[in-house]
Amino acid sequence: MASDDLRVLVVADDALARAGLATVLSSQPGLAVVGQVASDTDLPAQLEVYRPDVLVWDAGWNPAPSLDRMSDMRDTVPPILALLPGEAYAGEALIAGAHGLFSRDTGAPTLAAAAAAVARGALVIDPTLAGALLAPRERPSTSPAVSLTPRELEVLGLLVEGAPNKTIAQKLGISENTVKFHVNAILGKLGAQSRTEAVIRATRLGLIHI
């Protein structure tokens, strides 16, 4: 590994996908895969060990758990290049803190170039995923704002910032258990399966603006 190679940490829950991604990226000039880990490991500790410049994060076929994990760590990790199964998750990945969005089947040269751009602070999006980000907002027949309490709207506003439950609790002066209660209520009212999906739905409904 040359001293000026881009240091990449591969993150993926599926072991085969993780190994395959690490293999193809390792073949690219100017790029060094320094490690590969699952998203449910102690990522802060792994970052201390591998000191990556960028994370290439394969969110898998069910991205919700990975996107939630990504959102929880958005302020403490290097830039993230997220690999997604389809455009439906593009908005959620951006809200979760990803700096690059590409399909899981993107070729290695393109991924290497995207990783380099993300590491420099650029926002890069695969054209095949961009359509979802430009989709018109959903227009509900009645305003859903009345279904969220003032406290739930406060919690929702902090979810937009990617704040974890502990931070939300501190800012609002409530317990983490109460935060969890409010988050679950928000998910239920918006028909969302994850925090990031709740944010994107709320944005499209006009409850919040990003």
N, C-alpha and C. Protein backbone atom coordinates (compact mmCIF):
# COMPACT_ATOMS: atom_id res chain seq x y z
N MET A 1 0.83 -1.19 0.00
CA MET A 1 0.00 0.00 0.00
C MET A 1 0.87 1.25 0.00
N ALA A 2 0.64 2.14 -0.98
CA ALA A 2 1.39 3.38 -1.04
C ALA A 2 0.89 4.34 0.02
N SER A 3 1.73 5.26 0.44
CA SER A 3 1.37 6.17 1.52
C SER A 3 0.24 7.11 1.14
N ASP A 4 0.07 7.35 -0.17
CA ASP A 4 -0.98 8.27 -0.60
C ASP A 4 -2.23 7.55 -1.09
N ASP A 5 -2.30 6.23 -0.94
CA ASP A 5 -3.49 5.48 -1.32
C ASP A 5 -4.68 5.89 -0.44
N LEU A 6 -5.86 5.90 -1.04
CA LEU A 6 -7.08 6.17 -0.30
C LEU A 6 -7.40 4.96 0.58
N ARG A 7 -7.55 5.18 1.87
CA ARG A 7 -7.82 4.09 2.82
C ARG A 7 -9.33 3.86 2.92
N VAL A 8 -9.76 2.66 2.54
CA VAL A 8 -11.18 2.33 2.49
C VAL A 8 -11.50 1.23 3.49
N LEU A 9 -12.55 1.45 4.26
CA LEU A 9 -13.08 0.40 5.14
C LEU A 9 -14.41 -0.05 4.55
N VAL A 10 -14.50 -1.35 4.25
CA VAL A 10 -15.73 -1.92 3.70
C VAL A 10 -16.65 -2.33 4.84
N VAL A 11 -17.90 -1.88 4.77
CA VAL A 11 -18.90 -2.22 5.79
C VAL A 11 -20.06 -2.94 5.11
N ALA A 12 -20.39 -4.13 5.57
CA ALA A 12 -21.53 -4.88 5.02
C ALA A 12 -21.88 -5.99 6.00
N ASP A 13 -23.17 -6.24 6.15
CA ASP A 13 -23.58 -7.29 7.09
C ASP A 13 -23.43 -8.68 6.50
N ASP A 14 -23.58 -8.81 5.18
CA ASP A 14 -23.43 -10.10 4.53
C ASP A 14 -21.95 -10.39 4.30
N ALA A 15 -21.47 -11.49 4.85
CA ALA A 15 -20.04 -11.80 4.78
C ALA A 15 -19.55 -11.96 3.34
N LEU A 16 -20.36 -12.62 2.49
CA LEU A 16 -19.95 -12.81 1.10
C LEU A 16 -19.89 -11.49 0.34
N ALA A 17 -20.89 -10.64 0.57
CA ALA A 17 -20.90 -9.33 -0.08
C ALA A 17 -19.72 -8.51 0.39
N ARG A 18 -19.42 -8.62 1.66
CA ARG A 18 -18.30 -7.87 2.25
C ARG A 18 -16.97 -8.29 1.63
N ALA A 19 -16.77 -9.59 1.54
CA ALA A 19 -15.52 -10.10 0.98
C ALA A 19 -15.41 -9.78 -0.51
N GLY A 20 -16.53 -9.92 -1.23
CA GLY A 20 -16.50 -9.64 -2.66
C GLY A 20 -16.22 -8.18 -2.95
N LEU A 21 -16.83 -7.30 -2.17
CA LEU A 21 -16.61 -5.87 -2.36
C LEU A 21 -15.17 -5.50 -2.05
N ALA A 22 -14.63 -6.07 -0.99
CA ALA A 22 -13.24 -5.80 -0.63
C ALA A 22 -12.29 -6.27 -1.73
N THR A 23 -12.60 -7.41 -2.34
CA THR A 23 -11.74 -7.96 -3.39
C THR A 23 -11.72 -7.07 -4.62
N VAL A 24 -12.91 -6.64 -5.08
CA VAL A 24 -12.95 -5.84 -6.30
C VAL A 24 -12.36 -4.45 -6.09
N LEU A 25 -12.56 -3.89 -4.91
CA LEU A 25 -12.01 -2.57 -4.64
C LEU A 25 -10.49 -2.62 -4.49
N SER A 26 -9.98 -3.71 -3.95
CA SER A 26 -8.54 -3.85 -3.76
C SER A 26 -7.79 -3.86 -5.09
N SER A 27 -8.50 -4.19 -6.16
CA SER A 27 -7.86 -4.25 -7.48
C SER A 27 -7.72 -2.88 -8.13
N GLN A 28 -8.29 -1.86 -7.53
CA GLN A 28 -8.29 -0.54 -8.13
C GLN A 28 -7.05 0.27 -7.72
N PRO A 29 -6.37 0.88 -8.67
CA PRO A 29 -5.18 1.67 -8.34
C PRO A 29 -5.51 2.88 -7.48
N GLY A 30 -4.61 3.19 -6.57
CA GLY A 30 -4.78 4.35 -5.71
C GLY A 30 -5.73 4.15 -4.56
N LEU A 31 -6.17 2.92 -4.38
CA LEU A 31 -7.15 2.62 -3.34
C LEU A 31 -6.69 1.40 -2.54
N ALA A 32 -6.73 1.50 -1.23
CA ALA A 32 -6.32 0.39 -0.37
C ALA A 32 -7.45 0.04 0.60
N VAL A 33 -7.93 -1.20 0.54
CA VAL A 33 -8.95 -1.67 1.49
C VAL A 33 -8.22 -2.07 2.77
N VAL A 34 -8.43 -1.30 3.82
CA VAL A 34 -7.70 -1.53 5.07
C VAL A 34 -8.43 -2.48 6.01
N GLY A 35 -9.69 -2.77 5.71
CA GLY A 35 -10.43 -3.69 6.56
C GLY A 35 -11.84 -3.89 6.06
N GLN A 36 -12.54 -4.85 6.63
CA GLN A 36 -13.93 -5.13 6.30
C GLN A 36 -14.65 -5.58 7.55
N VAL A 37 -15.80 -4.96 7.84
CA VAL A 37 -16.52 -5.23 9.08
C VAL A 37 -18.02 -5.25 8.82
N ALA A 38 -18.76 -5.84 9.76
CA ALA A 38 -20.22 -5.80 9.73
C ALA A 38 -20.68 -4.51 10.40
N SER A 39 -21.87 -4.05 10.03
CA SER A 39 -22.35 -2.77 10.57
C SER A 39 -22.71 -2.84 12.04
N ASP A 40 -22.96 -4.05 12.55
CA ASP A 40 -23.35 -4.16 13.95
C ASP A 40 -22.16 -4.40 14.88
N THR A 41 -20.95 -4.24 14.35
CA THR A 41 -19.77 -4.34 15.22
C THR A 41 -19.57 -2.99 15.91
N ASP A 42 -18.57 -2.91 16.75
CA ASP A 42 -18.24 -1.66 17.43
C ASP A 42 -17.48 -0.78 16.43
N LEU A 43 -18.23 -0.04 15.62
CA LEU A 43 -17.59 0.73 14.55
C LEU A 43 -16.61 1.79 15.07
N PRO A 44 -16.92 2.50 16.15
CA PRO A 44 -15.93 3.46 16.64
C PRO A 44 -14.58 2.82 16.93
N ALA A 45 -14.61 1.62 17.50
CA ALA A 45 -13.36 0.92 17.78
C ALA A 45 -12.67 0.51 16.49
N GLN A 46 -13.44 0.06 15.50
CA GLN A 46 -12.87 -0.34 14.22
C GLN A 46 -12.23 0.85 13.50
N LEU A 47 -12.85 2.01 13.65
CA LEU A 47 -12.29 3.21 13.02
C LEU A 47 -10.94 3.57 13.64
N GLU A 48 -10.81 3.36 14.93
CA GLU A 48 -9.53 3.61 15.59
C GLU A 48 -8.46 2.66 15.08
N VAL A 49 -8.86 1.43 14.79
CA VAL A 49 -7.89 0.43 14.33
C VAL A 49 -7.48 0.69 12.88
N TYR A 50 -8.47 0.92 12.00
CA TYR A 50 -8.19 0.98 10.56
C TYR A 50 -7.92 2.38 10.03
N ARG A 51 -8.38 3.41 10.71
CA ARG A 51 -8.18 4.81 10.31
C ARG A 51 -8.49 5.03 8.82
N PRO A 52 -9.71 4.72 8.39
CA PRO A 52 -10.06 4.87 6.96
C PRO A 52 -10.31 6.32 6.58
N ASP A 53 -10.14 6.61 5.29
CA ASP A 53 -10.49 7.92 4.75
C ASP A 53 -11.96 7.96 4.33
N VAL A 54 -12.49 6.80 4.01
CA VAL A 54 -13.88 6.71 3.54
C VAL A 54 -14.43 5.33 3.87
N LEU A 55 -15.74 5.25 4.10
CA LEU A 55 -16.42 3.97 4.29
C LEU A 55 -17.22 3.65 3.03
N VAL A 56 -17.03 2.45 2.50
CA VAL A 56 -17.90 1.96 1.42
C VAL A 56 -18.85 0.98 2.09
N TRP A 57 -20.11 1.38 2.19
CA TRP A 57 -21.08 0.69 3.04
C TRP A 57 -22.16 0.05 2.18
N ASP A 58 -22.13 -1.27 2.08
CA ASP A 58 -23.16 -2.01 1.35
C ASP A 58 -24.34 -2.22 2.29
N ALA A 59 -25.46 -1.57 1.99
CA ALA A 59 -26.63 -1.63 2.87
C ALA A 59 -27.43 -2.90 2.70
N GLY A 60 -27.09 -3.74 1.71
CA GLY A 60 -27.78 -5.02 1.54
C GLY A 60 -29.15 -4.87 0.90
N TRP A 61 -29.90 -5.97 0.90
CA TRP A 61 -31.22 -5.96 0.27
C TRP A 61 -32.29 -5.40 1.20
N ASN A 62 -32.02 -5.37 2.48
CA ASN A 62 -32.93 -4.75 3.46
C ASN A 62 -32.16 -3.64 4.16
N PRO A 63 -32.14 -2.44 3.59
CA PRO A 63 -31.23 -1.40 4.07
C PRO A 63 -31.62 -0.75 5.40
N ALA A 64 -32.85 -0.91 5.86
CA ALA A 64 -33.32 -0.17 7.03
C ALA A 64 -32.37 -0.26 8.24
N PRO A 65 -31.94 -1.47 8.64
CA PRO A 65 -31.04 -1.53 9.81
C PRO A 65 -29.72 -0.79 9.58
N SER A 66 -29.15 -0.95 8.39
CA SER A 66 -27.89 -0.27 8.10
C SER A 66 -28.06 1.24 8.08
N LEU A 67 -29.18 1.71 7.53
CA LEU A 67 -29.41 3.16 7.46
C LEU A 67 -29.63 3.75 8.85
N ASP A 68 -30.28 3.00 9.71
CA ASP A 68 -30.44 3.47 11.08
C ASP A 68 -29.08 3.57 11.78
N ARG A 69 -28.26 2.56 11.58
CA ARG A 69 -26.92 2.55 12.17
C ARG A 69 -26.10 3.71 11.60
N MET A 70 -26.21 3.92 10.31
CA MET A 70 -25.51 5.01 9.65
C MET A 70 -25.93 6.36 10.23
N SER A 71 -27.23 6.50 10.43
CA SER A 71 -27.75 7.75 10.97
C SER A 71 -27.23 8.02 12.38
N ASP A 72 -27.17 6.97 13.19
CA ASP A 72 -26.68 7.11 14.56
C ASP A 72 -25.23 7.57 14.60
N MET A 73 -24.46 7.24 13.55
CA MET A 73 -23.02 7.52 13.58
C MET A 73 -22.60 8.62 12.61
N ARG A 74 -23.54 9.31 12.03
CA ARG A 74 -23.24 10.23 10.92
C ARG A 74 -22.22 11.31 11.27
N ASP A 75 -22.16 11.72 12.54
CA ASP A 75 -21.25 12.79 12.93
C ASP A 75 -19.91 12.28 13.45
N THR A 76 -19.72 10.98 13.45
CA THR A 76 -18.51 10.43 14.07
C THR A 76 -17.71 9.53 13.13
N VAL A 77 -18.11 9.46 11.87
CA VAL A 77 -17.42 8.57 10.94
C VAL A 77 -16.92 9.36 9.73
N PRO A 78 -15.96 8.81 8.99
CA PRO A 78 -15.51 9.44 7.75
C PRO A 78 -16.65 9.46 6.73
N PRO A 79 -16.48 10.14 5.60
CA PRO A 79 -17.51 10.16 4.55
C PRO A 79 -17.93 8.74 4.15
N ILE A 80 -19.21 8.60 3.85
CA ILE A 80 -19.77 7.28 3.54
C ILE A 80 -20.24 7.22 2.09
N LEU A 81 -19.80 6.19 1.38
CA LEU A 81 -20.34 5.86 0.06
C LEU A 81 -21.29 4.67 0.27
N ALA A 82 -22.58 4.91 0.13
CA ALA A 82 -23.59 3.88 0.40
C ALA A 82 -23.98 3.15 -0.88
N LEU A 83 -24.05 1.84 -0.79
CA LEU A 83 -24.48 1.00 -1.91
C LEU A 83 -25.88 0.48 -1.60
N LEU A 84 -26.82 0.77 -2.49
CA LEU A 84 -28.23 0.52 -2.23
C LEU A 84 -28.83 -0.45 -3.24
N PRO A 85 -29.92 -1.15 -2.84
CA PRO A 85 -30.55 -2.11 -3.76
C PRO A 85 -31.48 -1.45 -4.77
N GLY A 86 -31.82 -0.18 -4.57
CA GLY A 86 -32.72 0.50 -5.48
C GLY A 86 -32.93 1.94 -5.10
N GLU A 87 -33.58 2.69 -5.99
CA GLU A 87 -33.74 4.13 -5.77
C GLU A 87 -34.69 4.46 -4.63
N ALA A 88 -35.52 3.51 -4.21
CA ALA A 88 -36.48 3.79 -3.15
C ALA A 88 -35.80 4.22 -1.84
N TYR A 89 -34.55 3.83 -1.69
CA TYR A 89 -33.85 4.12 -0.43
C TYR A 89 -32.90 5.31 -0.54
N ALA A 90 -32.87 5.96 -1.69
CA ALA A 90 -31.90 7.04 -1.91
C ALA A 90 -32.11 8.20 -0.94
N GLY A 91 -33.35 8.63 -0.80
CA GLY A 91 -33.62 9.75 0.10
C GLY A 91 -33.27 9.42 1.54
N GLU A 92 -33.60 8.21 1.96
CA GLU A 92 -33.30 7.81 3.33
C GLU A 92 -31.80 7.77 3.58
N ALA A 93 -31.05 7.30 2.59
CA ALA A 93 -29.60 7.21 2.75
C ALA A 93 -28.97 8.60 2.87
N LEU A 94 -29.47 9.55 2.10
CA LEU A 94 -28.96 10.92 2.22
C LEU A 94 -29.24 11.49 3.60
N ILE A 95 -30.46 11.28 4.08
CA ILE A 95 -30.82 11.77 5.40
C ILE A 95 -29.98 11.11 6.47
N ALA A 96 -29.65 9.83 6.25
CA ALA A 96 -28.84 9.10 7.24
C ALA A 96 -27.39 9.56 7.26
N GLY A 97 -26.99 10.36 6.27
CA GLY A 97 -25.64 10.92 6.30
C GLY A 97 -24.71 10.45 5.21
N ALA A 98 -25.21 9.67 4.26
CA ALA A 98 -24.34 9.20 3.17
C ALA A 98 -23.92 10.37 2.28
N HIS A 99 -22.67 10.33 1.82
CA HIS A 99 -22.17 11.36 0.92
C HIS A 99 -22.17 10.91 -0.53
N GLY A 100 -22.36 9.62 -0.75
CA GLY A 100 -22.42 9.07 -2.09
C GLY A 100 -23.46 7.96 -2.13
N LEU A 101 -24.20 7.88 -3.23
CA LEU A 101 -25.23 6.87 -3.39
C LEU A 101 -25.04 6.15 -4.71
N PHE A 102 -24.84 4.83 -4.65
CA PHE A 102 -24.69 4.04 -5.86
C PHE A 102 -25.40 2.71 -5.70
N SER A 103 -25.72 2.09 -6.83
CA SER A 103 -26.35 0.78 -6.80
C SER A 103 -25.35 -0.27 -6.36
N ARG A 104 -25.87 -1.36 -5.82
CA ARG A 104 -25.00 -2.43 -5.33
C ARG A 104 -24.25 -3.12 -6.46
N ASP A 105 -24.76 -3.03 -7.67
CA ASP A 105 -24.11 -3.71 -8.79
C ASP A 105 -23.18 -2.78 -9.59
N THR A 106 -22.84 -1.63 -9.04
CA THR A 106 -21.94 -0.70 -9.73
C THR A 106 -20.55 -1.30 -9.87
N GLY A 107 -19.91 -1.07 -11.01
CA GLY A 107 -18.58 -1.61 -11.27
C GLY A 107 -17.50 -1.00 -10.40
N ALA A 108 -16.43 -1.74 -10.22
CA ALA A 108 -15.34 -1.32 -9.34
C ALA A 108 -14.70 0.01 -9.74
N PRO A 109 -14.40 0.26 -11.02
CA PRO A 109 -13.78 1.55 -11.38
C PRO A 109 -14.65 2.75 -11.00
N THR A 110 -15.96 2.61 -11.22
CA THR A 110 -16.86 3.70 -10.85
C THR A 110 -16.90 3.89 -9.35
N LEU A 111 -16.93 2.79 -8.60
CA LEU A 111 -16.94 2.89 -7.15
C LEU A 111 -15.65 3.52 -6.63
N ALA A 112 -14.53 3.17 -7.23
CA ALA A 112 -13.26 3.73 -6.80
C ALA A 112 -13.23 5.24 -7.03
N ALA A 113 -13.72 5.68 -8.19
CA ALA A 113 -13.76 7.11 -8.48
C ALA A 113 -14.73 7.83 -7.54
N ALA A 114 -15.86 7.18 -7.26
CA ALA A 114 -16.84 7.78 -6.35
C ALA A 114 -16.29 7.88 -4.93
N ALA A 115 -15.58 6.84 -4.49
CA ALA A 115 -14.99 6.86 -3.15
C ALA A 115 -13.98 8.00 -3.02
N ALA A 116 -13.19 8.21 -4.05
CA ALA A 116 -12.21 9.29 -4.03
C ALA A 116 -12.90 10.65 -3.96
N ALA A 117 -13.99 10.80 -4.73
CA ALA A 117 -14.73 12.06 -4.71
C ALA A 117 -15.38 12.32 -3.37
N VAL A 118 -15.96 11.28 -2.78
CA VAL A 118 -16.59 11.40 -1.47
C VAL A 118 -15.56 11.77 -0.41
N ALA A 119 -14.39 11.17 -0.49
CA ALA A 119 -13.34 11.47 0.48
C ALA A 119 -12.90 12.93 0.41
N ARG A 120 -13.05 13.54 -0.76
CA ARG A 120 -12.69 14.96 -0.93
C ARG A 120 -13.81 15.90 -0.50
N GLY A 121 -14.94 15.32 -0.08
CA GLY A 121 -16.05 16.14 0.38
C GLY A 121 -17.15 16.35 -0.62
N ALA A 122 -17.07 15.68 -1.77
CA ALA A 122 -18.10 15.84 -2.80
C ALA A 122 -19.32 14.97 -2.49
N LEU A 123 -20.46 15.38 -3.01
CA LEU A 123 -21.67 14.58 -2.96
C LEU A 123 -21.86 13.96 -4.33
N VAL A 124 -21.83 12.63 -4.42
CA VAL A 124 -21.94 11.95 -5.70
C VAL A 124 -23.10 10.98 -5.69
N ILE A 125 -23.90 11.02 -6.75
CA ILE A 125 -25.11 10.19 -6.82
C ILE A 125 -25.19 9.52 -8.18
N ASP A 126 -25.38 8.22 -8.15
CA ASP A 126 -25.58 7.45 -9.37
C ASP A 126 -26.84 7.96 -10.08
N PRO A 127 -26.76 8.29 -11.37
CA PRO A 127 -27.94 8.78 -12.09
C PRO A 127 -29.14 7.85 -12.00
N THR A 128 -28.90 6.55 -11.85
CA THR A 128 -30.01 5.60 -11.76
C THR A 128 -30.77 5.73 -10.45
N LEU A 129 -30.17 6.40 -9.45
CA LEU A 129 -30.82 6.58 -8.15
C LEU A 129 -31.37 7.99 -7.98
N ALA A 130 -30.99 8.90 -8.87
CA ALA A 130 -31.34 10.30 -8.69
C ALA A 130 -32.83 10.57 -8.87
N GLY A 131 -33.51 9.72 -9.65
CA GLY A 131 -34.92 9.95 -9.92
C GLY A 131 -35.76 10.03 -8.65
N ALA A 132 -35.46 9.17 -7.69
CA ALA A 132 -36.25 9.15 -6.46
C ALA A 132 -36.10 10.45 -5.68
N LEU A 133 -34.93 11.09 -5.79
CA LEU A 133 -34.70 12.32 -5.04
C LEU A 133 -35.43 13.49 -5.67
N LEU A 134 -35.82 13.36 -6.94
CA LEU A 134 -36.50 14.43 -7.65
C LEU A 134 -38.00 14.19 -7.75
N ALA A 135 -38.47 13.10 -7.13
CA ALA A 135 -39.89 12.76 -7.22
C ALA A 135 -40.73 13.82 -6.52
N PRO A 136 -41.89 14.14 -7.05
CA PRO A 136 -42.75 15.14 -6.39
C PRO A 136 -43.19 14.66 -5.02
N ARG A 137 -43.37 15.60 -4.11
CA ARG A 137 -43.78 15.24 -2.76
C ARG A 137 -45.20 14.69 -2.74
N GLU A 138 -45.41 13.78 -1.82
CA GLU A 138 -46.74 13.24 -1.63
C GLU A 138 -47.65 14.36 -1.11
N ARG A 139 -48.87 14.40 -1.58
CA ARG A 139 -49.82 15.39 -1.13
C ARG A 139 -50.98 14.71 -0.42
N PRO A 140 -51.01 14.70 0.89
CA PRO A 140 -52.09 14.04 1.61
C PRO A 140 -53.40 14.80 1.44
N SER A 141 -54.51 14.08 1.52
CA SER A 141 -55.81 14.72 1.38
C SER A 141 -56.09 15.63 2.56
N THR A 142 -55.58 15.30 3.72
CA THR A 142 -55.70 16.16 4.90
C THR A 142 -54.34 16.28 5.53
N SER A 143 -54.10 17.35 6.22
CA SER A 143 -52.80 17.58 6.83
C SER A 143 -52.56 16.59 7.96
N PRO A 144 -51.43 15.88 7.94
CA PRO A 144 -51.15 14.92 9.01
C PRO A 144 -50.57 15.59 10.24
N ALA A 145 -50.32 16.92 10.18
CA ALA A 145 -49.66 17.59 11.29
C ALA A 145 -50.45 17.45 12.59
N VAL A 146 -51.79 17.42 12.48
CA VAL A 146 -52.61 17.35 13.68
C VAL A 146 -52.44 16.02 14.39
N SER A 147 -51.92 15.01 13.69
CA SER A 147 -51.79 13.69 14.30
C SER A 147 -50.50 13.55 15.11
N LEU A 148 -49.59 14.53 14.97
CA LEU A 148 -48.36 14.51 15.75
C LEU A 148 -48.44 15.55 16.85
N THR A 149 -48.11 15.14 18.05
CA THR A 149 -48.12 16.07 19.17
C THR A 149 -46.95 17.04 19.06
N PRO A 150 -47.01 18.17 19.77
CA PRO A 150 -45.87 19.11 19.75
C PRO A 150 -44.55 18.44 20.13
N ARG A 151 -44.59 17.55 21.10
CA ARG A 151 -43.35 16.86 21.51
C ARG A 151 -42.86 15.93 20.42
N GLU A 152 -43.79 15.24 19.75
CA GLU A 152 -43.39 14.35 18.65
C GLU A 152 -42.77 15.16 17.51
N LEU A 153 -43.28 16.36 17.26
CA LEU A 153 -42.70 17.21 16.22
C LEU A 153 -41.29 17.65 16.62
N GLU A 154 -41.08 17.88 17.91
CA GLU A 154 -39.73 18.23 18.38
C GLU A 154 -38.78 17.06 18.17
N VAL A 155 -39.23 15.87 18.52
CA VAL A 155 -38.40 14.68 18.33
C VAL A 155 -38.13 14.47 16.84
N LEU A 156 -39.16 14.65 16.02
CA LEU A 156 -39.00 14.49 14.57
C LEU A 156 -37.96 15.47 14.04
N GLY A 157 -37.98 16.69 14.53
CA GLY A 157 -37.00 17.68 14.09
C GLY A 157 -35.57 17.26 14.41
N LEU A 158 -35.38 16.59 15.54
CA LEU A 158 -34.04 16.12 15.91
C LEU A 158 -33.67 14.86 15.13
N LEU A 159 -34.66 14.08 14.73
CA LEU A 159 -34.38 12.92 13.88
C LEU A 159 -33.82 13.38 12.54
N VAL A 160 -34.30 14.52 12.06
CA VAL A 160 -33.79 15.07 10.81
C VAL A 160 -32.30 15.32 10.89
N GLU A 161 -31.84 15.77 12.07
CA GLU A 161 -30.43 16.06 12.28
C GLU A 161 -29.61 14.79 12.48
N GLY A 162 -30.29 13.63 12.51
CA GLY A 162 -29.58 12.37 12.73
C GLY A 162 -29.22 12.12 14.17
N ALA A 163 -29.86 12.85 15.08
CA ALA A 163 -29.52 12.71 16.50
C ALA A 163 -29.94 11.35 17.05
N PRO A 164 -29.06 10.66 17.77
CA PRO A 164 -29.45 9.39 18.41
C PRO A 164 -30.34 9.67 19.62
N ASN A 165 -30.93 8.62 20.16
CA ASN A 165 -31.87 8.78 21.27
C ASN A 165 -31.25 9.50 22.47
N LYS A 166 -30.00 9.20 22.78
CA LYS A 166 -29.36 9.82 23.93
C LYS A 166 -29.28 11.33 23.77
N THR A 167 -28.91 11.77 22.57
CA THR A 167 -28.81 13.21 22.31
C THR A 167 -30.18 13.87 22.35
N ILE A 168 -31.18 13.21 21.79
CA ILE A 168 -32.54 13.75 21.82
C ILE A 168 -33.01 13.91 23.26
N ALA A 169 -32.73 12.91 24.07
CA ALA A 169 -33.13 12.96 25.48
C ALA A 169 -32.47 14.14 26.19
N GLN A 170 -31.19 14.35 25.95
CA GLN A 170 -30.47 15.45 26.58
C GLN A 170 -31.01 16.80 26.14
N LYS A 171 -31.28 16.94 24.85
CA LYS A 171 -31.74 18.24 24.34
C LYS A 171 -33.14 18.58 24.81
N LEU A 172 -33.97 17.56 24.96
CA LEU A 172 -35.36 17.81 25.34
C LEU A 172 -35.61 17.64 26.84
N GLY A 173 -34.59 17.18 27.56
CA GLY A 173 -34.73 17.02 29.00
C GLY A 173 -35.69 15.91 29.39
N ILE A 174 -35.67 14.82 28.60
CA ILE A 174 -36.52 13.68 28.90
C ILE A 174 -35.66 12.42 28.91
N SER A 175 -36.24 11.30 29.35
CA SER A 175 -35.47 10.05 29.42
C SER A 175 -35.37 9.41 28.05
N GLU A 176 -34.38 8.51 27.90
CA GLU A 176 -34.23 7.80 26.64
C GLU A 176 -35.44 6.90 26.37
N ASN A 177 -36.03 6.34 27.44
CA ASN A 177 -37.22 5.51 27.26
C ASN A 177 -38.38 6.33 26.70
N THR A 178 -38.48 7.58 27.16
CA THR A 178 -39.54 8.45 26.64
C THR A 178 -39.27 8.79 25.18
N VAL A 179 -38.00 8.99 24.84
CA VAL A 179 -37.65 9.24 23.45
C VAL A 179 -38.07 8.05 22.59
N LYS A 180 -37.75 6.84 23.04
CA LYS A 180 -38.12 5.64 22.29
C LYS A 180 -39.63 5.57 22.09
N PHE A 181 -40.38 5.95 23.12
CA PHE A 181 -41.84 5.94 23.03
C PHE A 181 -42.30 6.90 21.94
N HIS A 182 -41.72 8.12 21.93
CA HIS A 182 -42.11 9.10 20.92
C HIS A 182 -41.71 8.66 19.52
N VAL A 183 -40.51 8.08 19.38
CA VAL A 183 -40.04 7.62 18.08
C VAL A 183 -40.97 6.53 17.55
N ASN A 184 -41.34 5.59 18.40
CA ASN A 184 -42.25 4.52 17.98
C ASN A 184 -43.61 5.08 17.57
N ALA A 185 -44.07 6.11 18.29
CA ALA A 185 -45.35 6.73 17.95
C ALA A 185 -45.26 7.41 16.59
N ILE A 186 -44.13 8.08 16.33
CA ILE A 186 -43.94 8.76 15.04
C ILE A 186 -43.91 7.75 13.91
N LEU A 187 -43.17 6.65 14.11
CA LEU A 187 -43.10 5.60 13.09
C LEU A 187 -44.49 5.06 12.77
N GLY A 188 -45.27 4.83 13.82
CA GLY A 188 -46.61 4.28 13.63
C GLY A 188 -47.52 5.23 12.88
N LYS A 189 -47.48 6.51 13.25
CA LYS A 189 -48.37 7.48 12.62
C LYS A 189 -48.00 7.75 11.16
N LEU A 190 -46.71 7.66 10.86
CA LEU A 190 -46.26 7.91 9.49
C LEU A 190 -46.19 6.64 8.64
N GLY A 191 -46.44 5.49 9.28
CA GLY A 191 -46.38 4.23 8.55
C GLY A 191 -44.99 3.90 8.09
N ALA A 192 -43.99 4.24 8.90
CA ALA A 192 -42.59 4.04 8.55
C ALA A 192 -42.01 2.85 9.29
N GLN A 193 -41.00 2.21 8.67
CA GLN A 193 -40.34 1.06 9.27
C GLN A 193 -39.04 1.42 9.98
N SER A 194 -38.55 2.63 9.74
CA SER A 194 -37.29 3.05 10.35
C SER A 194 -37.32 4.55 10.60
N ARG A 195 -36.36 5.03 11.39
CA ARG A 195 -36.28 6.46 11.67
C ARG A 195 -36.05 7.26 10.39
N THR A 196 -35.16 6.76 9.54
CA THR A 196 -34.86 7.49 8.32
C THR A 196 -36.06 7.51 7.36
N GLU A 197 -36.79 6.41 7.32
CA GLU A 197 -38.00 6.39 6.49
C GLU A 197 -39.03 7.37 7.03
N ALA A 198 -39.11 7.49 8.35
CA ALA A 198 -40.05 8.45 8.96
C ALA A 198 -39.69 9.87 8.54
N VAL A 199 -38.40 10.17 8.52
CA VAL A 199 -37.97 11.52 8.15
C VAL A 199 -38.30 11.82 6.69
N ILE A 200 -38.03 10.88 5.80
CA ILE A 200 -38.30 11.14 4.39
C ILE A 200 -39.80 11.25 4.13
N ARG A 201 -40.61 10.44 4.84
CA ARG A 201 -42.06 10.55 4.68
C ARG A 201 -42.56 11.89 5.21
N ALA A 202 -42.04 12.30 6.36
CA ALA A 202 -42.45 13.58 6.94
C ALA A 202 -42.06 14.74 6.04
N THR A 203 -40.91 14.61 5.40
CA THR A 203 -40.45 15.66 4.48
C THR A 203 -41.39 15.76 3.28
N ARG A 204 -41.74 14.62 2.72
CA ARG A 204 -42.62 14.62 1.55
C ARG A 204 -44.02 15.11 1.90
N LEU A 205 -44.42 14.90 3.14
CA LEU A 205 -45.75 15.35 3.59
C LEU A 205 -45.75 16.82 3.99
N GLY A 206 -44.57 17.44 3.99
CA GLY A 206 -44.48 18.85 4.33
C GLY A 206 -44.43 19.14 5.82
N LEU A 207 -44.24 18.10 6.64
CA LEU A 207 -44.14 18.32 8.09
C LEU A 207 -42.84 18.99 8.47
N ILE A 208 -41.79 18.66 7.74
CA ILE A 208 -40.46 19.21 8.02
C ILE A 208 -39.80 19.55 6.70
N HIS A 209 -38.75 20.36 6.77
CA HIS A 209 -38.02 20.74 5.59
C HIS A 209 -36.53 20.53 5.85
N ILE A 210 -35.86 19.89 4.91
CA ILE A 210 -34.43 19.58 5.06
C ILE A 210 -33.59 20.56 4.26
